[in-house]
Structure formats: structure tokens, C-alpha cells
Amino acid sequence: MPSVAIRAQDFSHYFGTKQTLKKINLDVAENKILGIIGPAGSGKSTFLRALNRLNDLVPDSRVEGTLLVEGVDVYSADTSVAELRRRLGMVFAIPVPLPRSIYENVAFGARMAGLKDKSALTEIVIDSLKKTALWEEVSDRLHSSALKLSGGQQQRLCIARTLALKPRFILLDEPTSGLDPISTMKIEETLRQLKKDYTIILVTNNTKQAARVADRTAFFLNGDLIEVDETVRVFSAPSDQRTNDYISGRFG
């Protein structure tokens, strides 16, 4: 059995008086992909953002219960939020490359962290681009603008930029929602390769995507975790009728 990398225990979240997550109990296994599915407003992205404290940026955000990352309480007063966000790299739905070269996009985080050695920076850039299957496509134009890349390439560049910070986890919030099928396929293949070295949580509105790439799938509905299981079981024999209704397209 793989070890548990993330554990939520009776974890609840509120924005003011509105409860967005209701006593979530969920384990995320190390070096696996957890897919989180559910209709809009079900709490998927809120859970993802709770992991690296991004919800803290919203006024009146508060939590109850426990959220552990590698045994450390995310919401402990002793937790360094900056270090937490480095360890849990976040990739959003819309890729936002910096208005700089491809090279500088990937090197940006390492530079900001104080790394100045050019050969070390180049090694990080090459390694990160190779891990996202982007190296062969851009190796001859590293110093051209990242804004010239296609949407799918920009998204893989944003994943590479995250990897350059050497995180332990990759959190993806609808990373292929605006991409064509070929770009989506490339990112899904990238995720399959990356799970050898990282623990990944993929929030997606595309149930077929979860079925293709997730090892386990969790179904959220109205802030509740309805069920979580091996992906093949969730999609072939869900234990809750609401899960079956959602994945069969009866609502959502």
C-alpha cells in the first residue's frame, strides 16, 4: 500500500457563514493521481486551495478540523505558508505565462529564490521542460517569447515553471478546460509520467479525463465528499446513486 501523503480529517471550510466543505475525510496516496469530480459549486477547487492556503486570501475564510500534508498540520501557527505553497505547486485552468522568454519563465522561481548560477539554472530549465514533454518542441527557441506558444504549450510551460521550484505535490485546477483534444492528451500523458516523482491532485469537470488518468477518484457534491475509491470502481460500480447519476450525465 502506498503511504498517505495528504489526510483530511473532519475538515470543513467556510467563507463567512457559507459552508463550502463539510467534514471532509480523505486520504491522498503518495505518487498517485487523485481525481476530484463534481458539478460547479461542489467544493472541488475550494479543497484544492485549502491545501496551500490560497483560500486565506479571501476575507472571512476559516476552517475547522485537520488537514495534514506529510504529517504536518497545514493550518498550524508554526506552518510557513510560503514554504507550503512551494511544496504544493498550483496550476490553474488558464495558463498565464510571464511576458518573458521560455527560458526565463521556467527559471523565474529559482531566480526569485536566490539561485544565480547560470549552469544550475539551465539544468533546472532543461529538466523541467523535459518532464513536461516540452523540451523537444522548444529547445531551439528558448529565448523567444513564451507568449508565442500555443495554449497547450503554455499550459505545459506553466507546469514546468511549477516543477522548477521542486515541489512535492502538483495541484491542478481544470488544467485542460480550454484546450483542444490533442493538447489535452499531451497534458494527460505528462501527468502519467509525473506521478512517478510527484503526488498529484487533479480537479476536473471532465469525468472522462478522471477515468483516463486518475488512480483514485473522489466525488464532491454541495461541499460533501460523497465517495472516494479506485477510479475503475467509481466509474463501473459507484456505491452512491448520486455518483452514478453524475457520471452518467443525469445532472451537473
C-alpha atoms as a PDB file:
ATOM      1  CA  MET A   1       0.000   0.000   0.000  1.00  0.00           C
ATOM      2  CA  PRO A   2       1.377   3.458  -0.871  1.00  0.00           C
ATOM      3  CA  SER A   3       1.825   5.777   2.089  1.00  0.00           C
ATOM      4  CA  VAL A   4      -0.638   8.584   2.784  1.00  0.00           C
ATOM      5  CA  ALA A   5       0.759  11.954   1.681  1.00  0.00           C
ATOM      6  CA  ILE A   6      -2.267  14.128   2.496  1.00  0.00           C
ATOM      7  CA  ARG A   7      -5.000  13.461   5.041  1.00  0.00           C
ATOM      8  CA  ALA A   8      -8.156  15.466   5.690  1.00  0.00           C
ATOM      9  CA  GLN A   9      -9.908  14.662   8.978  1.00  0.00           C
ATOM     10  CA  ASP A  10     -13.370  16.163   9.543  1.00  0.00           C
ATOM     11  CA  PHE A  11     -12.131  19.139   7.533  1.00  0.00           C
ATOM     12  CA  SER A  12     -14.630  21.943   6.967  1.00  0.00           C
ATOM     13  CA  HIS A  13     -14.257  25.311   5.283  1.00  0.00           C
ATOM     14  CA  TYR A  14     -16.346  28.467   5.425  1.00  0.00           C
ATOM     15  CA  PHE A  15     -16.492  31.783   3.618  1.00  0.00           C
ATOM     16  CA  GLY A  16     -18.238  33.837   6.279  1.00  0.00           C
ATOM     17  CA  THR A  17     -21.423  31.967   7.168  1.00  0.00           C
ATOM     18  CA  LYS A  18     -21.397  29.904   3.947  1.00  0.00           C
ATOM     19  CA  GLN A  19     -20.020  26.409   4.478  1.00  0.00           C
ATOM     20  CA  THR A  20     -18.176  25.251   1.367  1.00  0.00           C
ATOM     21  CA  LEU A  21     -16.702  21.975   2.670  1.00  0.00           C
ATOM     22  CA  LYS A  22     -18.455  19.720   5.182  1.00  0.00           C
ATOM     23  CA  LYS A  23     -16.347  17.438   7.398  1.00  0.00           C
ATOM     24  CA  ILE A  24     -14.221  16.001   4.598  1.00  0.00           C
ATOM     25  CA  ASN A  25     -12.354  12.781   5.416  1.00  0.00           C
ATOM     26  CA  LEU A  26      -9.979  11.930   2.606  1.00  0.00           C
ATOM     27  CA  ASP A  27      -6.566  10.314   2.188  1.00  0.00           C
ATOM     28  CA  VAL A  28      -4.328  11.062  -0.807  1.00  0.00           C
ATOM     29  CA  ALA A  29      -1.764   8.374  -1.573  1.00  0.00           C
ATOM     30  CA  GLU A  30       1.835   9.230  -2.367  1.00  0.00           C
ATOM     31  CA  ASN A  31       2.876   9.136  -6.049  1.00  0.00           C
ATOM     32  CA  LYS A  32      -0.671   8.643  -7.246  1.00  0.00           C
ATOM     33  CA  ILE A  33      -3.155  10.833  -9.098  1.00  0.00           C
ATOM     34  CA  LEU A  34      -6.327  11.675  -7.199  1.00  0.00           C
ATOM     35  CA  GLY A  35      -9.067  12.971  -9.471  1.00  0.00           C
ATOM     36  CA  ILE A  36     -11.741  15.171  -7.912  1.00  0.00           C
ATOM     37  CA  ILE A  37     -15.005  15.430  -9.843  1.00  0.00           C
ATOM     38  CA  GLY A  38     -18.332  17.074  -9.179  1.00  0.00           C
ATOM     39  CA  PRO A  39     -20.584  19.836 -10.512  1.00  0.00           C
ATOM     40  CA  ALA A  40     -19.801  23.539 -10.207  1.00  0.00           C
ATOM     41  CA  GLY A  41     -20.039  24.746  -6.622  1.00  0.00           C
ATOM     42  CA  SER A  42     -19.357  21.326  -5.133  1.00  0.00           C
ATOM     43  CA  GLY A  43     -16.191  22.393  -3.273  1.00  0.00           C
ATOM     44  CA  LYS A  44     -13.571  20.847  -5.572  1.00  0.00           C
ATOM     45  CA  SER A  45     -11.466  23.965  -6.098  1.00  0.00           C
ATOM     46  CA  THR A  46     -12.018  25.125  -2.533  1.00  0.00           C
ATOM     47  CA  PHE A  47     -10.478  21.886  -1.260  1.00  0.00           C
ATOM     48  CA  LEU A  48      -7.529  22.285  -3.619  1.00  0.00           C
ATOM     49  CA  ARG A  49      -6.943  25.871  -2.490  1.00  0.00           C
ATOM     50  CA  ALA A  50      -7.303  24.874   1.155  1.00  0.00           C
ATOM     51  CA  LEU A  51      -4.249  22.663   0.773  1.00  0.00           C
ATOM     52  CA  ASN A  52      -1.863  25.515   0.069  1.00  0.00           C
ATOM     53  CA  ARG A  53      -3.788  28.180   1.979  1.00  0.00           C
ATOM     54  CA  LEU A  54      -4.915  30.162  -1.070  1.00  0.00           C
ATOM     55  CA  ASN A  55      -8.365  30.496   0.481  1.00  0.00           C
ATOM     56  CA  ASP A  56      -6.701  32.627   3.158  1.00  0.00           C
ATOM     57  CA  LEU A  57      -6.540  35.415   0.588  1.00  0.00           C
ATOM     58  CA  VAL A  58     -10.353  35.696   0.688  1.00  0.00           C
ATOM     59  CA  PRO A  59     -11.822  37.689   3.610  1.00  0.00           C
ATOM     60  CA  ASP A  60     -13.767  35.677   6.218  1.00  0.00           C
ATOM     61  CA  SER A  61     -12.218  32.359   5.150  1.00  0.00           C
ATOM     62  CA  ARG A  62     -11.971  29.917   8.060  1.00  0.00           C
ATOM     63  CA  VAL A  63     -11.537  26.208   8.634  1.00  0.00           C
ATOM     64  CA  GLU A  64     -12.401  23.508  11.135  1.00  0.00           C
ATOM     65  CA  GLY A  65     -10.917  20.046  11.508  1.00  0.00           C
ATOM     66  CA  THR A  66      -7.484  18.923  10.395  1.00  0.00           C
ATOM     67  CA  LEU A  67      -5.605  18.976   7.105  1.00  0.00           C
ATOM     68  CA  LEU A  68      -2.251  17.188   7.158  1.00  0.00           C
ATOM     69  CA  VAL A  69       0.422  17.279   4.445  1.00  0.00           C
ATOM     70  CA  GLU A  70       3.110  14.670   5.096  1.00  0.00           C
ATOM     71  CA  GLY A  71       2.018  14.647   8.722  1.00  0.00           C
ATOM     72  CA  VAL A  72       2.237  18.419   9.201  1.00  0.00           C
ATOM     73  CA  ASP A  73      -0.887  20.424  10.058  1.00  0.00           C
ATOM     74  CA  VAL A  74      -1.404  22.885   7.187  1.00  0.00           C
ATOM     75  CA  TYR A  75      -3.203  25.344   9.473  1.00  0.00           C
ATOM     76  CA  SER A  76      -0.822  25.177  12.411  1.00  0.00           C
ATOM     77  CA  ALA A  77       0.557  28.530  13.580  1.00  0.00           C
ATOM     78  CA  ASP A  78       4.039  27.080  13.021  1.00  0.00           C
ATOM     79  CA  THR A  79       3.436  26.325   9.326  1.00  0.00           C
ATOM     80  CA  SER A  80       5.307  28.527   6.865  1.00  0.00           C
ATOM     81  CA  VAL A  81       2.733  29.433   4.213  1.00  0.00           C
ATOM     82  CA  ALA A  82       5.455  30.414   1.725  1.00  0.00           C
ATOM     83  CA  GLU A  83       7.176  27.046   2.092  1.00  0.00           C
ATOM     84  CA  LEU A  84       3.825  25.246   1.970  1.00  0.00           C
ATOM     85  CA  ARG A  85       2.969  26.894  -1.356  1.00  0.00           C
ATOM     86  CA  ARG A  86       6.374  25.960  -2.752  1.00  0.00           C
ATOM     87  CA  ARG A  87       5.856  22.316  -1.799  1.00  0.00           C
ATOM     88  CA  LEU A  88       2.327  22.239  -3.202  1.00  0.00           C
ATOM     89  CA  GLY A  89       2.697  23.717  -6.670  1.00  0.00           C
ATOM     90  CA  MET A  90      -0.532  25.035  -8.191  1.00  0.00           C
ATOM     91  CA  VAL A  91      -1.530  25.038 -11.862  1.00  0.00           C
ATOM     92  CA  PHE A  92      -4.670  26.919 -12.834  1.00  0.00           C
ATOM     93  CA  ALA A  93      -7.215  26.484 -15.608  1.00  0.00           C
ATOM     94  CA  ILE A  94      -5.948  29.369 -17.721  1.00  0.00           C
ATOM     95  CA  PRO A  95      -2.204  29.323 -18.399  1.00  0.00           C
ATOM     96  CA  VAL A  96      -0.551  32.619 -17.542  1.00  0.00           C
ATOM     97  CA  PRO A  97       2.986  32.667 -18.924  1.00  0.00           C
ATOM     98  CA  LEU A  98       5.086  35.642 -17.954  1.00  0.00           C
ATOM     99  CA  PRO A  99       5.790  38.151 -20.763  1.00  0.00           C
ATOM    100  CA  ARG A 100       9.344  36.831 -20.956  1.00  0.00           C
ATOM    101  CA  SER A 101      11.261  34.173 -22.815  1.00  0.00           C
ATOM    102  CA  ILE A 102      10.505  30.473 -22.424  1.00  0.00           C
ATOM    103  CA  TYR A 103      13.792  30.083 -20.536  1.00  0.00           C
ATOM    104  CA  GLU A 104      13.070  32.953 -18.147  1.00  0.00           C
ATOM    105  CA  ASN A 105       9.552  31.667 -17.455  1.00  0.00           C
ATOM    106  CA  VAL A 106      10.899  28.381 -16.139  1.00  0.00           C
ATOM    107  CA  ALA A 107      13.904  29.938 -14.382  1.00  0.00           C
ATOM    108  CA  PHE A 108      11.829  32.673 -12.741  1.00  0.00           C
ATOM    109  CA  GLY A 109      11.024  30.905  -9.474  1.00  0.00           C
ATOM    110  CA  ALA A 110      14.565  29.653  -8.937  1.00  0.00           C
ATOM    111  CA  ARG A 111      15.918  33.145  -9.609  1.00  0.00           C
ATOM    112  CA  MET A 112      13.467  34.639  -7.119  1.00  0.00           C
ATOM    113  CA  ALA A 113      14.635  32.065  -4.572  1.00  0.00           C
ATOM    114  CA  GLY A 114      18.175  33.388  -4.975  1.00  0.00           C
ATOM    115  CA  LEU A 115      19.760  30.927  -7.405  1.00  0.00           C
ATOM    116  CA  LYS A 116      22.201  32.817  -9.620  1.00  0.00           C
ATOM    117  CA  ASP A 117      24.437  30.088 -11.022  1.00  0.00           C
ATOM    118  CA  LYS A 118      23.717  30.056 -14.747  1.00  0.00           C
ATOM    119  CA  SER A 119      24.597  26.400 -15.331  1.00  0.00           C
ATOM    120  CA  ALA A 120      22.382  25.321 -12.408  1.00  0.00           C
ATOM    121  CA  LEU A 121      19.524  27.448 -13.742  1.00  0.00           C
ATOM    122  CA  THR A 122      19.913  25.964 -17.210  1.00  0.00           C
ATOM    123  CA  GLU A 123      19.893  22.453 -15.767  1.00  0.00           C
ATOM    124  CA  ILE A 124      16.638  23.202 -13.929  1.00  0.00           C
ATOM    125  CA  VAL A 125      15.070  24.669 -17.073  1.00  0.00           C
ATOM    126  CA  ILE A 126      16.014  21.702 -19.248  1.00  0.00           C
ATOM    127  CA  ASP A 127      14.918  19.135 -16.663  1.00  0.00           C
ATOM    128  CA  SER A 128      11.566  20.838 -16.111  1.00  0.00           C
ATOM    129  CA  LEU A 129      10.876  21.154 -19.840  1.00  0.00           C
ATOM    130  CA  LYS A 130      11.771  17.501 -20.395  1.00  0.00           C
ATOM    131  CA  LYS A 131       9.444  16.386 -17.595  1.00  0.00           C
ATOM    132  CA  THR A 132       6.559  18.189 -19.291  1.00  0.00           C
ATOM    133  CA  ALA A 133       7.434  16.784 -22.739  1.00  0.00           C
ATOM    134  CA  LEU A 134       8.054  20.320 -23.979  1.00  0.00           C
ATOM    135  CA  TRP A 135      11.814  20.239 -24.467  1.00  0.00           C
ATOM    136  CA  GLU A 136      11.835  18.810 -27.971  1.00  0.00           C
ATOM    137  CA  GLU A 137       9.234  21.342 -29.082  1.00  0.00           C
ATOM    138  CA  VAL A 138      11.010  24.449 -27.776  1.00  0.00           C
ATOM    139  CA  SER A 139      14.696  23.597 -27.349  1.00  0.00           C
ATOM    140  CA  ASP A 140      15.657  25.658 -30.410  1.00  0.00           C
ATOM    141  CA  ARG A 141      13.769  28.769 -29.259  1.00  0.00           C
ATOM    142  CA  LEU A 142      14.292  29.029 -25.516  1.00  0.00           C
ATOM    143  CA  HIS A 143      14.922  32.761 -25.749  1.00  0.00           C
ATOM    144  CA  SER A 144      11.815  33.574 -27.766  1.00  0.00           C
ATOM    145  CA  SER A 145       8.667  34.873 -26.088  1.00  0.00           C
ATOM    146  CA  ALA A 146       6.570  32.353 -24.184  1.00  0.00           C
ATOM    147  CA  LEU A 147       3.514  34.257 -25.391  1.00  0.00           C
ATOM    148  CA  LYS A 148       4.094  32.823 -28.875  1.00  0.00           C
ATOM    149  CA  LEU A 149       3.445  29.273 -27.677  1.00  0.00           C
ATOM    150  CA  SER A 150       0.120  27.562 -28.319  1.00  0.00           C
ATOM    151  CA  GLY A 151      -2.390  27.281 -25.468  1.00  0.00           C
ATOM    152  CA  GLY A 152      -1.439  23.678 -24.767  1.00  0.00           C
ATOM    153  CA  GLN A 153       2.259  24.503 -24.813  1.00  0.00           C
ATOM    154  CA  GLN A 154       1.667  27.447 -22.481  1.00  0.00           C
ATOM    155  CA  GLN A 155      -0.086  25.177 -20.013  1.00  0.00           C
ATOM    156  CA  ARG A 156       2.783  22.673 -20.073  1.00  0.00           C
ATOM    157  CA  LEU A 157       5.163  25.617 -19.631  1.00  0.00           C
ATOM    158  CA  CYS A 158       3.238  26.645 -16.522  1.00  0.00           C
ATOM    159  CA  ILE A 159       3.565  23.081 -15.205  1.00  0.00           C
ATOM    160  CA  ALA A 160       7.313  23.228 -15.976  1.00  0.00           C
ATOM    161  CA  ARG A 161       7.545  26.546 -14.109  1.00  0.00           C
ATOM    162  CA  THR A 162       5.925  24.846 -11.121  1.00  0.00           C
ATOM    163  CA  LEU A 163       8.309  21.865 -11.315  1.00  0.00           C
ATOM    164  CA  ALA A 164      11.320  24.190 -11.342  1.00  0.00           C
ATOM    165  CA  LEU A 165      10.513  25.090  -7.730  1.00  0.00           C
ATOM    166  CA  LYS A 166      10.944  21.407  -6.818  1.00  0.00           C
ATOM    167  CA  PRO A 167       7.537  20.835  -5.208  1.00  0.00           C
ATOM    168  CA  ARG A 168       6.439  17.577  -3.620  1.00  0.00           C
ATOM    169  CA  PHE A 169       2.862  17.911  -4.884  1.00  0.00           C
ATOM    170  CA  ILE A 170       1.174  19.205  -8.022  1.00  0.00           C
ATOM    171  CA  LEU A 171      -2.320  20.649  -7.647  1.00  0.00           C
ATOM    172  CA  LEU A 172      -4.191  21.139 -10.925  1.00  0.00           C
ATOM    173  CA  ASP A 173      -7.437  23.072 -11.174  1.00  0.00           C
ATOM    174  CA  GLU A 174      -9.087  22.301 -14.524  1.00  0.00           C
ATOM    175  CA  PRO A 175      -5.737  22.377 -16.386  1.00  0.00           C
ATOM    176  CA  THR A 176      -7.184  21.384 -19.772  1.00  0.00           C
ATOM    177  CA  SER A 177     -10.556  23.132 -19.684  1.00  0.00           C
ATOM    178  CA  GLY A 178      -9.721  25.480 -22.557  1.00  0.00           C
ATOM    179  CA  LEU A 179      -7.558  23.165 -24.627  1.00  0.00           C
ATOM    180  CA  ASP A 180      -8.110  21.119 -27.764  1.00  0.00           C
ATOM    181  CA  PRO A 181      -8.153  17.295 -27.589  1.00  0.00           C
ATOM    182  CA  ILE A 182      -4.552  16.874 -28.794  1.00  0.00           C
ATOM    183  CA  SER A 183      -3.181  19.329 -26.212  1.00  0.00           C
ATOM    184  CA  THR A 184      -5.347  17.681 -23.560  1.00  0.00           C
ATOM    185  CA  MET A 185      -3.924  14.275 -24.461  1.00  0.00           C
ATOM    186  CA  LYS A 186      -0.342  15.583 -24.152  1.00  0.00           C
ATOM    187  CA  ILE A 187      -1.005  17.024 -20.703  1.00  0.00           C
ATOM    188  CA  GLU A 188      -2.670  13.810 -19.543  1.00  0.00           C
ATOM    189  CA  GLU A 189       0.345  11.806 -20.713  1.00  0.00           C
ATOM    190  CA  THR A 190       2.606  14.290 -18.905  1.00  0.00           C
ATOM    191  CA  LEU A 191       0.670  13.703 -15.682  1.00  0.00           C
ATOM    192  CA  ARG A 192       1.025   9.925 -16.013  1.00  0.00           C
ATOM    193  CA  GLN A 193       4.794  10.361 -16.229  1.00  0.00           C
ATOM    194  CA  LEU A 194       4.996  12.930 -13.439  1.00  0.00           C
ATOM    195  CA  LYS A 195       3.289  10.742 -10.833  1.00  0.00           C
ATOM    196  CA  LYS A 196       6.489   8.691 -10.635  1.00  0.00           C
ATOM    197  CA  ASP A 197       8.040  11.649  -8.823  1.00  0.00           C
ATOM    198  CA  TYR A 198       5.100  13.674  -7.518  1.00  0.00           C
ATOM    199  CA  THR A 199       1.766  13.266  -5.762  1.00  0.00           C
ATOM    200  CA  ILE A 200      -0.917  14.841  -7.951  1.00  0.00           C
ATOM    201  CA  ILE A 201      -4.441  16.097  -7.321  1.00  0.00           C
ATOM    202  CA  LEU A 202      -6.449  16.830 -10.452  1.00  0.00           C
ATOM    203  CA  VAL A 203      -9.706  18.785 -10.208  1.00  0.00           C
ATOM    204  CA  THR A 204     -11.678  18.299 -13.406  1.00  0.00           C
ATOM    205  CA  ASN A 205     -15.195  18.801 -14.724  1.00  0.00           C
ATOM    206  CA  ASN A 206     -14.380  16.221 -17.392  1.00  0.00           C
ATOM    207  CA  THR A 207     -15.378  12.860 -15.929  1.00  0.00           C
ATOM    208  CA  LYS A 208     -13.794  11.050 -18.878  1.00  0.00           C
ATOM    209  CA  GLN A 209     -10.489  12.713 -18.058  1.00  0.00           C
ATOM    210  CA  ALA A 210     -10.658  11.474 -14.476  1.00  0.00           C
ATOM    211  CA  ALA A 211     -11.449   7.992 -15.776  1.00  0.00           C
ATOM    212  CA  ARG A 212      -8.401   8.129 -18.066  1.00  0.00           C
ATOM    213  CA  VAL A 213      -5.709   9.418 -15.719  1.00  0.00           C
ATOM    214  CA  ALA A 214      -6.733   9.205 -12.041  1.00  0.00           C
ATOM    215  CA  ASP A 215      -5.746   6.249  -9.862  1.00  0.00           C
ATOM    216  CA  ARG A 216      -8.470   7.153  -7.368  1.00  0.00           C
ATOM    217  CA  THR A 217     -11.444   9.443  -7.845  1.00  0.00           C
ATOM    218  CA  ALA A 218     -13.376  11.482  -5.288  1.00  0.00           C
ATOM    219  CA  PHE A 219     -16.876  12.786  -5.991  1.00  0.00           C
ATOM    220  CA  PHE A 220     -17.819  16.053  -4.303  1.00  0.00           C
ATOM    221  CA  LEU A 221     -21.377  17.419  -4.164  1.00  0.00           C
ATOM    222  CA  ASN A 222     -22.543  20.568  -2.362  1.00  0.00           C
ATOM    223  CA  GLY A 223     -19.472  20.571  -0.137  1.00  0.00           C
ATOM    224  CA  ASP A 224     -19.784  16.886   0.818  1.00  0.00           C
ATOM    225  CA  LEU A 225     -17.425  14.093  -0.167  1.00  0.00           C
ATOM    226  CA  ILE A 226     -19.950  11.570  -1.444  1.00  0.00           C
ATOM    227  CA  GLU A 227     -17.472   8.786  -2.144  1.00  0.00           C
ATOM    228  CA  VAL A 228     -13.857   8.061  -2.995  1.00  0.00           C
ATOM    229  CA  ASP A 229     -12.480   4.830  -4.389  1.00  0.00           C
ATOM    230  CA  GLU A 230     -10.294   3.302  -7.046  1.00  0.00           C
ATOM    231  CA  THR A 231     -11.245   5.056 -10.278  1.00  0.00           C
ATOM    232  CA  VAL A 232     -12.340   1.897 -12.039  1.00  0.00           C
ATOM    233  CA  ARG A 233     -14.795   1.160  -9.197  1.00  0.00           C
ATOM    234  CA  VAL A 234     -16.190   4.701  -9.098  1.00  0.00           C
ATOM    235  CA  PHE A 235     -16.948   4.575 -12.810  1.00  0.00           C
ATOM    236  CA  SER A 236     -18.073   0.962 -13.089  1.00  0.00           C
ATOM    237  CA  ALA A 237     -19.852   0.352  -9.777  1.00  0.00           C
ATOM    238  CA  PRO A 238     -20.248   3.538  -7.706  1.00  0.00           C
ATOM    239  CA  SER A 239     -21.512   2.976  -4.186  1.00  0.00           C
ATOM    240  CA  ASP A 240     -23.809   6.022  -4.181  1.00  0.00           C
ATOM    241  CA  GLN A 241     -26.657   6.671  -6.613  1.00  0.00           C
ATOM    242  CA  ARG A 242     -25.728  10.360  -6.782  1.00  0.00           C
ATOM    243  CA  THR A 243     -22.299   9.446  -8.113  1.00  0.00           C
ATOM    244  CA  ASN A 244     -23.866   7.223 -10.731  1.00  0.00           C
ATOM    245  CA  ASP A 245     -26.284   9.993 -11.732  1.00  0.00           C
ATOM    246  CA  TYR A 246     -23.436  12.498 -12.109  1.00  0.00           C
ATOM    247  CA  ILE A 247     -21.043  10.359 -14.137  1.00  0.00           C
ATOM    248  CA  SER A 248     -23.894   9.194 -16.379  1.00  0.00           C
ATOM    249  CA  GLY A 249     -24.800  12.814 -17.131  1.00  0.00           C
ATOM    250  CA  ARG A 250     -28.157  12.996 -15.341  1.00  0.00           C
ATOM    251  CA  PHE A 251     -27.101  16.232 -13.632  1.00  0.00           C
ATOM    252  CA  GLY A 252     -24.133  18.579 -13.386  1.00  0.00           C
END
